[in-house]
Amino acid sequence: MGHLHYGSETFPLEDRTLFHLQVVTGLKLRRREPFFVFWRPGHETGEGRHALWIDNGVPIHFEYAGGRTPSVNREWIEHLVSAANSSGGLNLADDRNAELARP
């Protein structure tokens, strides 16, 4: 389990999900295209959701628990980029992401 550090906040995310979010964030911010990303915290609580406005002006740090870089799922990246480009934002918890997140 890795961590997304955004500004002064820290959020736990699975390494594989975090890595794919890092790729999309790099693509978007390189073009100066901010976007929303949101997800539900651990299923143990069954409630709530996190939503972040990802922008070049806020420090971001991706911290991984594992030492190996996950393999890139290009279909998942394309799905995430498409979602990030939409007005609804990038939902890490949608059913398609859950399906594509499987190794």
PDB file of N, CA and C in Angstrom:
ATOM      1  N   MET A   1       0.852  -1.174   0.000  1.00  0.00           N
ATOM      2  CA  MET A   1       0.000   0.000   0.000  1.00  0.00           C
ATOM      3  C   MET A   1       0.894   1.232   0.000  1.00  0.00           C
ATOM      4  N   GLY A   2       0.774   2.023  -1.049  1.00  0.00           N
ATOM      5  CA  GLY A   2       1.538   3.253  -1.149  1.00  0.00           C
ATOM      6  C   GLY A   2       0.736   4.431  -0.630  1.00  0.00           C
ATOM      7  N   HIS A   3       1.284   5.627  -0.855  1.00  0.00           N
ATOM      8  CA  HIS A   3       0.608   6.841  -0.395  1.00  0.00           C
ATOM      9  C   HIS A   3       0.733   7.945  -1.437  1.00  0.00           C
ATOM     10  N   LEU A   4      -0.357   8.663  -1.620  1.00  0.00           N
ATOM     11  CA  LEU A   4      -0.374   9.873  -2.423  1.00  0.00           C
ATOM     12  C   LEU A   4      -0.278  11.032  -1.448  1.00  0.00           C
ATOM     13  N   HIS A   5       0.777  11.828  -1.576  1.00  0.00           N
ATOM     14  CA  HIS A   5       0.941  13.033  -0.756  1.00  0.00           C
ATOM     15  C   HIS A   5       0.574  14.214  -1.657  1.00  0.00           C
ATOM     16  N   TYR A   6      -0.455  14.942  -1.286  1.00  0.00           N
ATOM     17  CA  TYR A   6      -0.912  16.071  -2.084  1.00  0.00           C
ATOM     18  C   TYR A   6      -1.061  17.265  -1.163  1.00  0.00           C
ATOM     19  N   GLY A   7      -0.216  18.269  -1.364  1.00  0.00           N
ATOM     20  CA  GLY A   7      -0.178  19.381  -0.419  1.00  0.00           C
ATOM     21  C   GLY A   7       0.230  18.840   0.934  1.00  0.00           C
ATOM     22  N   SER A   8      -0.539  19.133   1.955  1.00  0.00           N
ATOM     23  CA  SER A   8      -0.227  18.656   3.307  1.00  0.00           C
ATOM     24  C   SER A   8      -0.986  17.375   3.663  1.00  0.00           C
ATOM     25  N   GLU A   9      -1.746  16.825   2.731  1.00  0.00           N
ATOM     26  CA  GLU A   9      -2.565  15.631   2.975  1.00  0.00           C
ATOM     27  C   GLU A   9      -1.875  14.372   2.456  1.00  0.00           C
ATOM     28  N   THR A  10      -2.186  13.242   3.080  1.00  0.00           N
ATOM     29  CA  THR A  10      -1.665  11.942   2.653  1.00  0.00           C
ATOM     30  C   THR A  10      -2.820  10.958   2.532  1.00  0.00           C
ATOM     31  N   PHE A  11      -2.843  10.211   1.413  1.00  0.00           N
ATOM     32  CA  PHE A  11      -3.918   9.267   1.139  1.00  0.00           C
ATOM     33  C   PHE A  11      -3.330   7.910   0.771  1.00  0.00           C
ATOM     34  N   PRO A  12      -3.755   6.834   1.441  1.00  0.00           N
ATOM     35  CA  PRO A  12      -3.262   5.500   1.080  1.00  0.00           C
ATOM     36  C   PRO A  12      -3.945   4.995  -0.197  1.00  0.00           C
ATOM     37  N   LEU A  13      -3.146   4.461  -1.108  1.00  0.00           N
ATOM     38  CA  LEU A  13      -3.663   3.851  -2.339  1.00  0.00           C
ATOM     39  C   LEU A  13      -2.798   2.642  -2.674  1.00  0.00           C
ATOM     40  N   GLU A  14      -3.394   1.646  -3.307  1.00  0.00           N
ATOM     41  CA  GLU A  14      -2.632   0.486  -3.756  1.00  0.00           C
ATOM     42  C   GLU A  14      -1.546   0.944  -4.732  1.00  0.00           C
ATOM     43  N   ASP A  15      -0.368   0.321  -4.658  1.00  0.00           N
ATOM     44  CA  ASP A  15       0.755   0.710  -5.514  1.00  0.00           C
ATOM     45  C   ASP A  15       0.391   0.721  -7.000  1.00  0.00           C
ATOM     46  N   ARG A  16      -0.321  -0.295  -7.459  1.00  0.00           N
ATOM     47  CA  ARG A  16      -0.659  -0.384  -8.886  1.00  0.00           C
ATOM     48  C   ARG A  16      -1.568   0.772  -9.307  1.00  0.00           C
ATOM     49  N   THR A  17      -2.560   1.077  -8.505  1.00  0.00           N
ATOM     50  CA  THR A  17      -3.445   2.214  -8.780  1.00  0.00           C
ATOM     51  C   THR A  17      -2.663   3.517  -8.725  1.00  0.00           C
ATOM     52  N   LEU A  18      -1.820   3.659  -7.716  1.00  0.00           N
ATOM     53  CA  LEU A  18      -1.015   4.868  -7.538  1.00  0.00           C
ATOM     54  C   LEU A  18      -0.109   5.102  -8.743  1.00  0.00           C
ATOM     55  N   PHE A  19       0.507   4.029  -9.249  1.00  0.00           N
ATOM     56  CA  PHE A  19       1.400   4.150 -10.400  1.00  0.00           C
ATOM     57  C   PHE A  19       0.645   4.637 -11.635  1.00  0.00           C
ATOM     58  N   HIS A  20      -0.529   4.073 -11.894  1.00  0.00           N
ATOM     59  CA  HIS A  20      -1.304   4.494 -13.055  1.00  0.00           C
ATOM     60  C   HIS A  20      -1.803   5.934 -12.893  1.00  0.00           C
ATOM     61  N   LEU A  21      -2.147   6.320 -11.672  1.00  0.00           N
ATOM     62  CA  LEU A  21      -2.513   7.713 -11.406  1.00  0.00           C
ATOM     63  C   LEU A  21      -1.313   8.627 -11.646  1.00  0.00           C
ATOM     64  N   GLN A  22      -0.116   8.188 -11.289  1.00  0.00           N
ATOM     65  CA  GLN A  22       1.097   8.979 -11.523  1.00  0.00           C
ATOM     66  C   GLN A  22       1.310   9.215 -13.021  1.00  0.00           C
ATOM     67  N   VAL A  23       1.136   8.182 -13.822  1.00  0.00           N
ATOM     68  CA  VAL A  23       1.308   8.317 -15.272  1.00  0.00           C
ATOM     69  C   VAL A  23       0.326   9.345 -15.829  1.00  0.00           C
ATOM     70  N   VAL A  24      -0.941   9.230 -15.452  1.00  0.00           N
ATOM     71  CA  VAL A  24      -1.969  10.155 -15.943  1.00  0.00           C
ATOM     72  C   VAL A  24      -1.703  11.573 -15.444  1.00  0.00           C
ATOM     73  N   THR A  25      -1.322  11.705 -14.183  1.00  0.00           N
ATOM     74  CA  THR A  25      -1.023  13.024 -13.617  1.00  0.00           C
ATOM     75  C   THR A  25       0.125  13.679 -14.378  1.00  0.00           C
ATOM     76  N   GLY A  26       1.158  12.905 -14.680  1.00  0.00           N
ATOM     77  CA  GLY A  26       2.279  13.437 -15.457  1.00  0.00           C
ATOM     78  C   GLY A  26       1.845  13.921 -16.830  1.00  0.00           C
ATOM     79  N   LEU A  27       1.021  13.132 -17.503  1.00  0.00           N
ATOM     80  CA  LEU A  27       0.526  13.518 -18.830  1.00  0.00           C
ATOM     81  C   LEU A  27      -0.291  14.802 -18.767  1.00  0.00           C
ATOM     82  N   LYS A  28      -1.197  14.876 -17.798  1.00  0.00           N
ATOM     83  CA  LYS A  28      -2.086  16.032 -17.699  1.00  0.00           C
ATOM     84  C   LYS A  28      -1.344  17.300 -17.263  1.00  0.00           C
ATOM     85  N   LEU A  29      -0.522  17.197 -16.229  1.00  0.00           N
ATOM     86  CA  LEU A  29       0.128  18.401 -15.701  1.00  0.00           C
ATOM     87  C   LEU A  29       1.233  18.909 -16.619  1.00  0.00           C
ATOM     88  N   ARG A  30       1.830  18.026 -17.392  1.00  0.00           N
ATOM     89  CA  ARG A  30       2.822  18.464 -18.375  1.00  0.00           C
ATOM     90  C   ARG A  30       2.171  19.413 -19.376  1.00  0.00           C
ATOM     91  N   ARG A  31       0.887  19.189 -19.647  1.00  0.00           N
ATOM     92  CA  ARG A  31       0.133  20.044 -20.577  1.00  0.00           C
ATOM     93  C   ARG A  31      -0.584  21.187 -19.865  1.00  0.00           C
ATOM     94  N   ARG A  32      -0.347  21.297 -18.558  1.00  0.00           N
ATOM     95  CA  ARG A  32      -1.009  22.311 -17.729  1.00  0.00           C
ATOM     96  C   ARG A  32      -2.526  22.143 -17.754  1.00  0.00           C
ATOM     97  N   GLU A  33      -2.979  20.895 -17.636  1.00  0.00           N
ATOM     98  CA  GLU A  33      -4.400  20.566 -17.629  1.00  0.00           C
ATOM     99  C   GLU A  33      -4.786  20.003 -16.261  1.00  0.00           C
ATOM    100  N   PRO A  34      -5.288  20.852 -15.360  1.00  0.00           N
ATOM    101  CA  PRO A  34      -5.723  20.344 -14.054  1.00  0.00           C
ATOM    102  C   PRO A  34      -6.957  19.459 -14.219  1.00  0.00           C
ATOM    103  N   PHE A  35      -7.221  18.624 -13.210  1.00  0.00           N
ATOM    104  CA  PHE A  35      -8.355  17.711 -13.288  1.00  0.00           C
ATOM    105  C   PHE A  35      -8.770  17.267 -11.893  1.00  0.00           C
ATOM    106  N   PHE A  36     -10.006  16.769 -11.797  1.00  0.00           N
ATOM    107  CA  PHE A  36     -10.505  16.170 -10.561  1.00  0.00           C
ATOM    108  C   PHE A  36     -10.187  14.686 -10.555  1.00  0.00           C
ATOM    109  N   VAL A  37      -9.823  14.180  -9.388  1.00  0.00           N
ATOM    110  CA  VAL A  37      -9.714  12.739  -9.169  1.00  0.00           C
ATOM    111  C   VAL A  37     -10.464  12.439  -7.876  1.00  0.00           C
ATOM    112  N   PHE A  38     -11.238  11.366  -7.874  1.00  0.00           N
ATOM    113  CA  PHE A  38     -11.936  11.007  -6.643  1.00  0.00           C
ATOM    114  C   PHE A  38     -12.009   9.496  -6.501  1.00  0.00           C
ATOM    115  N   TRP A  39     -12.195   9.058  -5.253  1.00  0.00           N
ATOM    116  CA  TRP A  39     -12.283   7.638  -4.920  1.00  0.00           C
ATOM    117  C   TRP A  39     -12.903   7.491  -3.549  1.00  0.00           C
ATOM    118  N   ARG A  40     -13.324   6.295  -3.253  1.00  0.00           N
ATOM    119  CA  ARG A  40     -13.843   5.961  -1.926  1.00  0.00           C
ATOM    120  C   ARG A  40     -12.692   5.405  -1.104  1.00  0.00           C
ATOM    121  N   PRO A  41     -12.600   5.803   0.170  1.00  0.00           N
ATOM    122  CA  PRO A  41     -11.560   5.219   1.018  1.00  0.00           C
ATOM    123  C   PRO A  41     -11.844   3.738   1.252  1.00  0.00           C
ATOM    124  N   GLY A  42     -11.021   3.071   2.021  1.00  0.00           N
ATOM    125  CA  GLY A  42     -11.148   1.633   2.250  1.00  0.00           C
ATOM    126  C   GLY A  42     -12.573   1.157   2.418  1.00  0.00           C
ATOM    127  N   HIS A  43     -12.844  -0.013   1.877  1.00  0.00           N
ATOM    128  CA  HIS A  43     -14.196  -0.570   1.919  1.00  0.00           C
ATOM    129  C   HIS A  43     -14.653  -0.880   3.340  1.00  0.00           C
ATOM    130  N   GLU A  44     -13.723  -0.927   4.293  1.00  0.00           N
ATOM    131  CA  GLU A  44     -14.107  -1.261   5.665  1.00  0.00           C
ATOM    132  C   GLU A  44     -15.036  -0.215   6.277  1.00  0.00           C
ATOM    133  N   THR A  45     -14.950   1.028   5.855  1.00  0.00           N
ATOM    134  CA  THR A  45     -15.822   2.062   6.406  1.00  0.00           C
ATOM    135  C   THR A  45     -17.160   2.113   5.680  1.00  0.00           C
ATOM    136  N   GLY A  46     -17.137   1.833   4.367  1.00  0.00           N
ATOM    137  CA  GLY A  46     -18.367   1.805   3.598  1.00  0.00           C
ATOM    138  C   GLY A  46     -18.997   3.161   3.362  1.00  0.00           C
ATOM    139  N   GLU A  47     -18.292   4.227   3.650  1.00  0.00           N
ATOM    140  CA  GLU A  47     -18.870   5.549   3.444  1.00  0.00           C
ATOM    141  C   GLU A  47     -17.794   6.560   3.094  1.00  0.00           C
ATOM    142  N   GLY A  48     -18.252   7.703   2.644  1.00  0.00           N
ATOM    143  CA  GLY A  48     -17.350   8.802   2.344  1.00  0.00           C
ATOM    144  C   GLY A  48     -16.658   8.664   1.000  1.00  0.00           C
ATOM    145  N   ARG A  49     -15.968   9.733   0.637  1.00  0.00           N
ATOM    146  CA  ARG A  49     -15.221   9.741  -0.610  1.00  0.00           C
ATOM    147  C   ARG A  49     -14.237  10.888  -0.566  1.00  0.00           C
ATOM    148  N   HIS A  50     -13.120  10.722  -1.247  1.00  0.00           N
ATOM    149  CA  HIS A  50     -12.118  11.779  -1.376  1.00  0.00           C
ATOM    150  C   HIS A  50     -12.229  12.372  -2.779  1.00  0.00           C
ATOM    151  N   ALA A  51     -12.088  13.680  -2.893  1.00  0.00           N
ATOM    152  CA  ALA A  51     -12.040  14.353  -4.187  1.00  0.00           C
ATOM    153  C   ALA A  51     -10.928  15.394  -4.129  1.00  0.00           C
ATOM    154  N   LEU A  52     -10.042  15.353  -5.117  1.00  0.00           N
ATOM    155  CA  LEU A  52      -8.922  16.294  -5.173  1.00  0.00           C
ATOM    156  C   LEU A  52      -8.911  17.000  -6.521  1.00  0.00           C
ATOM    157  N   TRP A  53      -8.612  18.281  -6.500  1.00  0.00           N
ATOM    158  CA  TRP A  53      -8.372  19.038  -7.720  1.00  0.00           C
ATOM    159  C   TRP A  53      -6.863  19.008  -7.927  1.00  0.00           C
ATOM    160  N   ILE A  54      -6.410  18.277  -8.934  1.00  0.00           N
ATOM    161  CA  ILE A  54      -4.979  18.112  -9.195  1.00  0.00           C
ATOM    162  C   ILE A  54      -4.530  19.253 -10.097  1.00  0.00           C
ATOM    163  N   ASP A  55      -3.554  20.015  -9.608  1.00  0.00           N
ATOM    164  CA  ASP A  55      -3.109  21.229 -10.280  1.00  0.00           C
ATOM    165  C   ASP A  55      -1.604  21.385 -10.110  1.00  0.00           C
ATOM    166  N   ASN A  56      -0.957  22.052 -11.058  1.00  0.00           N
ATOM    167  CA  ASN A  56       0.494  22.277 -10.987  1.00  0.00           C
ATOM    168  C   ASN A  56       0.929  23.059  -9.758  1.00  0.00           C
ATOM    169  N   GLY A  57       0.048  23.834  -9.162  1.00  0.00           N
ATOM    170  CA  GLY A  57       0.423  24.691  -8.043  1.00  0.00           C
ATOM    171  C   GLY A  57       0.507  23.993  -6.698  1.00  0.00           C
ATOM    172  N   VAL A  58       0.158  22.710  -6.636  1.00  0.00           N
ATOM    173  CA  VAL A  58       0.155  21.979  -5.365  1.00  0.00           C
ATOM    174  C   VAL A  58       1.215  20.880  -5.420  1.00  0.00           C
ATOM    175  N   PRO A  59       2.098  20.812  -4.409  1.00  0.00           N
ATOM    176  CA  PRO A  59       3.113  19.752  -4.402  1.00  0.00           C
ATOM    177  C   PRO A  59       2.463  18.366  -4.350  1.00  0.00           C
ATOM    178  N   ILE A  60       2.982  17.450  -5.164  1.00  0.00           N
ATOM    179  CA  ILE A  60       2.461  16.083  -5.204  1.00  0.00           C
ATOM    180  C   ILE A  60       3.632  15.113  -5.129  1.00  0.00           C
ATOM    181  N   HIS A  61       3.423  14.043  -4.370  1.00  0.00           N
ATOM    182  CA  HIS A  61       4.479  13.041  -4.173  1.00  0.00           C
ATOM    183  C   HIS A  61       3.825  11.669  -4.147  1.00  0.00           C
ATOM    184  N   PHE A  62       4.359  10.755  -4.942  1.00  0.00           N
ATOM    185  CA  PHE A  62       3.860   9.382  -5.005  1.00  0.00           C
ATOM    186  C   PHE A  62       4.845   8.499  -4.255  1.00  0.00           C
ATOM    187  N   GLU A  63       4.393   7.871  -3.181  1.00  0.00           N
ATOM    188  CA  GLU A  63       5.253   7.025  -2.343  1.00  0.00           C
ATOM    189  C   GLU A  63       4.773   5.576  -2.448  1.00  0.00           C
ATOM    190  N   TYR A  64       5.684   4.696  -2.846  1.00  0.00           N
ATOM    191  CA  TYR A  64       5.333   3.297  -3.066  1.00  0.00           C
ATOM    192  C   TYR A  64       5.867   2.412  -1.956  1.00  0.00           C
ATOM    193  N   ALA A  65       5.080   1.402  -1.583  1.00  0.00           N
ATOM    194  CA  ALA A  65       5.505   0.440  -0.562  1.00  0.00           C
ATOM    195  C   ALA A  65       6.447  -0.590  -1.169  1.00  0.00           C
ATOM    196  N   GLY A  66       6.175  -0.997  -2.397  1.00  0.00           N
ATOM    197  CA  GLY A  66       6.979  -2.017  -3.064  1.00  0.00           C
ATOM    198  C   GLY A  66       8.156  -1.413  -3.804  1.00  0.00           C
ATOM    199  N   GLY A  67       9.160  -2.246  -4.047  1.00  0.00           N
ATOM    200  CA  GLY A  67      10.361  -1.786  -4.735  1.00  0.00           C
ATOM    201  C   GLY A  67      10.319  -1.953  -6.242  1.00  0.00           C
ATOM    202  N   ARG A  68       9.308  -2.665  -6.756  1.00  0.00           N
ATOM    203  CA  ARG A  68       9.226  -2.906  -8.193  1.00  0.00           C
ATOM    204  C   ARG A  68       8.163  -2.023  -8.827  1.00  0.00           C
ATOM    205  N   THR A  69       8.461  -1.539 -10.032  1.00  0.00           N
ATOM    206  CA  THR A  69       7.494  -0.733 -10.773  1.00  0.00           C
ATOM    207  C   THR A  69       6.436  -1.655 -11.372  1.00  0.00           C
ATOM    208  N   PRO A  70       5.160  -1.369 -11.128  1.00  0.00           N
ATOM    209  CA  PRO A  70       4.104  -2.204 -11.718  1.00  0.00           C
ATOM    210  C   PRO A  70       4.126  -2.109 -13.245  1.00  0.00           C
ATOM    211  N   SER A  71       3.644  -3.141 -13.911  1.00  0.00           N
ATOM    212  CA  SER A  71       3.548  -3.092 -15.369  1.00  0.00           C
ATOM    213  C   SER A  71       2.441  -2.109 -15.757  1.00  0.00           C
ATOM    214  N   VAL A  72       2.632  -1.470 -16.896  1.00  0.00           N
ATOM    215  CA  VAL A  72       1.664  -0.479 -17.367  1.00  0.00           C
ATOM    216  C   VAL A  72       0.564  -1.183 -18.155  1.00  0.00           C
ATOM    217  N   ASN A  73      -0.674  -0.909 -17.788  1.00  0.00           N
ATOM    218  CA  ASN A  73      -1.835  -1.397 -18.520  1.00  0.00           C
ATOM    219  C   ASN A  73      -2.305  -0.226 -19.392  1.00  0.00           C
ATOM    220  N   ARG A  74      -1.937  -0.271 -20.673  1.00  0.00           N
ATOM    221  CA  ARG A  74      -2.233   0.856 -21.568  1.00  0.00           C
ATOM    222  C   ARG A  74      -3.731   1.130 -21.695  1.00  0.00           C
ATOM    223  N   GLU A  75      -4.540   0.072 -21.682  1.00  0.00           N
ATOM    224  CA  GLU A  75      -5.993   0.259 -21.759  1.00  0.00           C
ATOM    225  C   GLU A  75      -6.495   1.023 -20.535  1.00  0.00           C
ATOM    226  N   TRP A  76      -5.945   0.712 -19.372  1.00  0.00           N
ATOM    227  CA  TRP A  76      -6.326   1.406 -18.145  1.00  0.00           C
ATOM    228  C   TRP A  76      -5.900   2.869 -18.214  1.00  0.00           C
ATOM    229  N   ILE A  77      -4.668   3.120 -18.699  1.00  0.00           N
ATOM    230  CA  ILE A  77      -4.190   4.506 -18.843  1.00  0.00           C
ATOM    231  C   ILE A  77      -5.137   5.287 -19.752  1.00  0.00           C
ATOM    232  N   GLU A  78      -5.509   4.705 -20.887  1.00  0.00           N
ATOM    233  CA  GLU A  78      -6.415   5.385 -21.816  1.00  0.00           C
ATOM    234  C   GLU A  78      -7.757   5.687 -21.153  1.00  0.00           C
ATOM    235  N   HIS A  79      -8.263   4.739 -20.383  1.00  0.00           N
ATOM    236  CA  HIS A  79      -9.534   4.947 -19.669  1.00  0.00           C
ATOM    237  C   HIS A  79      -9.400   6.078 -18.646  1.00  0.00           C
ATOM    238  N   LEU A  80      -8.301   6.085 -17.906  1.00  0.00           N
ATOM    239  CA  LEU A  80      -8.082   7.123 -16.890  1.00  0.00           C
ATOM    240  C   LEU A  80      -7.927   8.503 -17.526  1.00  0.00           C
ATOM    241  N   VAL A  81      -7.183   8.590 -18.627  1.00  0.00           N
ATOM    242  CA  VAL A  81      -6.996   9.878 -19.311  1.00  0.00           C
ATOM    243  C   VAL A  81      -8.338  10.385 -19.831  1.00  0.00           C
ATOM    244  N   SER A  82      -9.118   9.501 -20.429  1.00  0.00           N
ATOM    245  CA  SER A  82     -10.435   9.893 -20.926  1.00  0.00           C
ATOM    246  C   SER A  82     -11.310  10.418 -19.787  1.00  0.00           C
ATOM    247  N   ALA A  83     -11.288   9.729 -18.650  1.00  0.00           N
ATOM    248  CA  ALA A  83     -12.070  10.173 -17.489  1.00  0.00           C
ATOM    249  C   ALA A  83     -11.564  11.515 -16.973  1.00  0.00           C
ATOM    250  N   ALA A  84     -10.243  11.682 -16.914  1.00  0.00           N
ATOM    251  CA  ALA A  84      -9.665  12.940 -16.425  1.00  0.00           C
ATOM    252  C   ALA A  84     -10.031  14.103 -17.341  1.00  0.00           C
ATOM    253  N   ASN A  85     -10.232  13.824 -18.618  1.00  0.00           N
ATOM    254  CA  ASN A  85     -10.605  14.866 -19.578  1.00  0.00           C
ATOM    255  C   ASN A  85     -12.088  15.220 -19.512  1.00  0.00           C
ATOM    256  N   SER A  86     -12.882  14.419 -18.821  1.00  0.00           N
ATOM    257  CA  SER A  86     -14.324  14.654 -18.763  1.00  0.00           C
ATOM    258  C   SER A  86     -14.677  15.656 -17.664  1.00  0.00           C
ATOM    259  N   SER A  87     -15.878  16.201 -17.747  1.00  0.00           N
ATOM    260  CA  SER A  87     -16.317  17.150 -16.720  1.00  0.00           C
ATOM    261  C   SER A  87     -16.542  16.462 -15.379  1.00  0.00           C
ATOM    262  N   GLY A  88     -16.815  15.160 -15.399  1.00  0.00           N
ATOM    263  CA  GLY A  88     -17.030  14.413 -14.160  1.00  0.00           C
ATOM    264  C   GLY A  88     -15.757  14.082 -13.415  1.00  0.00           C
ATOM    265  N   GLY A  89     -14.631  14.113 -14.091  1.00  0.00           N
ATOM    266  CA  GLY A  89     -13.352  13.821 -13.454  1.00  0.00           C
ATOM    267  C   GLY A  89     -13.011  12.342 -13.459  1.00  0.00           C
ATOM    268  N   LEU A  90     -11.863  12.047 -12.907  1.00  0.00           N
ATOM    269  CA  LEU A  90     -11.312  10.696 -12.884  1.00  0.00           C
ATOM    270  C   LEU A  90     -11.775   9.978 -11.620  1.00  0.00           C
ATOM    271  N   ASN A  91     -12.616   8.966 -11.791  1.00  0.00           N
ATOM    272  CA  ASN A  91     -13.147   8.199 -10.664  1.00  0.00           C
ATOM    273  C   ASN A  91     -12.353   6.906 -10.541  1.00  0.00           C
ATOM    274  N   LEU A  92     -11.464   6.830  -9.556  1.00  0.00           N
ATOM    275  CA  LEU A  92     -10.653   5.625  -9.366  1.00  0.00           C
ATOM    276  C   LEU A  92     -11.486   4.438  -8.916  1.00  0.00           C
ATOM    277  N   ALA A  93     -12.707   4.682  -8.466  1.00  0.00           N
ATOM    278  CA  ALA A  93     -13.541   3.612  -7.914  1.00  0.00           C
ATOM    279  C   ALA A  93     -14.603   3.107  -8.883  1.00  0.00           C
ATOM    280  N   ASP A  94     -14.602   3.580 -10.136  1.00  0.00           N
ATOM    281  CA  ASP A  94     -15.654   3.096 -11.029  1.00  0.00           C
ATOM    282  C   ASP A  94     -15.415   1.633 -11.414  1.00  0.00           C
ATOM    283  N   ASP A  95     -16.458   0.982 -11.886  1.00  0.00           N
ATOM    284  CA  ASP A  95     -16.390  -0.455 -12.186  1.00  0.00           C
ATOM    285  C   ASP A  95     -15.345  -0.779 -13.245  1.00  0.00           C
ATOM    286  N   ARG A  96     -15.214   0.060 -14.250  1.00  0.00           N
ATOM    287  CA  ARG A  96     -14.234  -0.193 -15.320  1.00  0.00           C
ATOM    288  C   ARG A  96     -12.817  -0.124 -14.764  1.00  0.00           C
ATOM    289  N   ASN A  97     -12.555   0.833 -13.884  1.00  0.00           N
ATOM    290  CA  ASN A  97     -11.228   0.911 -13.267  1.00  0.00           C
ATOM    291  C   ASN A  97     -10.948  -0.324 -12.426  1.00  0.00           C
ATOM    292  N   ALA A  98     -11.949  -0.798 -11.706  1.00  0.00           N
ATOM    293  CA  ALA A  98     -11.765  -1.997 -10.887  1.00  0.00           C
ATOM    294  C   ALA A  98     -11.414  -3.189 -11.767  1.00  0.00           C
ATOM    295  N   GLU A  99     -12.065  -3.282 -12.913  1.00  0.00           N
ATOM    296  CA  GLU A  99     -11.787  -4.380 -13.847  1.00  0.00           C
ATOM    297  C   GLU A  99     -10.377  -4.260 -14.426  1.00  0.00           C
ATOM    298  N   LEU A 100      -9.982  -3.055 -14.843  1.00  0.00           N
ATOM    299  CA  LEU A 100      -8.673  -2.845 -15.460  1.00  0.00           C
ATOM    300  C   LEU A 100      -7.534  -2.884 -14.448  1.00  0.00           C
ATOM    301  N   ALA A 101      -7.835  -2.665 -13.183  1.00  0.00           N
ATOM    302  CA  ALA A 101      -6.798  -2.641 -12.144  1.00  0.00           C
ATOM    303  C   ALA A 101      -6.230  -4.022 -11.857  1.00  0.00           C
ATOM    304  N   ARG A 102      -6.951  -5.054 -12.229  1.00  0.00           N
ATOM    305  CA  ARG A 102      -6.457  -6.413 -11.964  1.00  0.00           C
ATOM    306  C   ARG A 102      -5.219  -6.683 -12.801  1.00  0.00           C
ATOM    307  N   PRO A 103      -4.167  -7.238 -12.175  1.00  0.00           N
ATOM    308  CA  PRO A 103      -2.931  -7.542 -12.941  1.00  0.00           C
ATOM    309  C   PRO A 103      -3.153  -8.602 -13.999  1.00  0.00           C
TER     310      PRO A 103
END
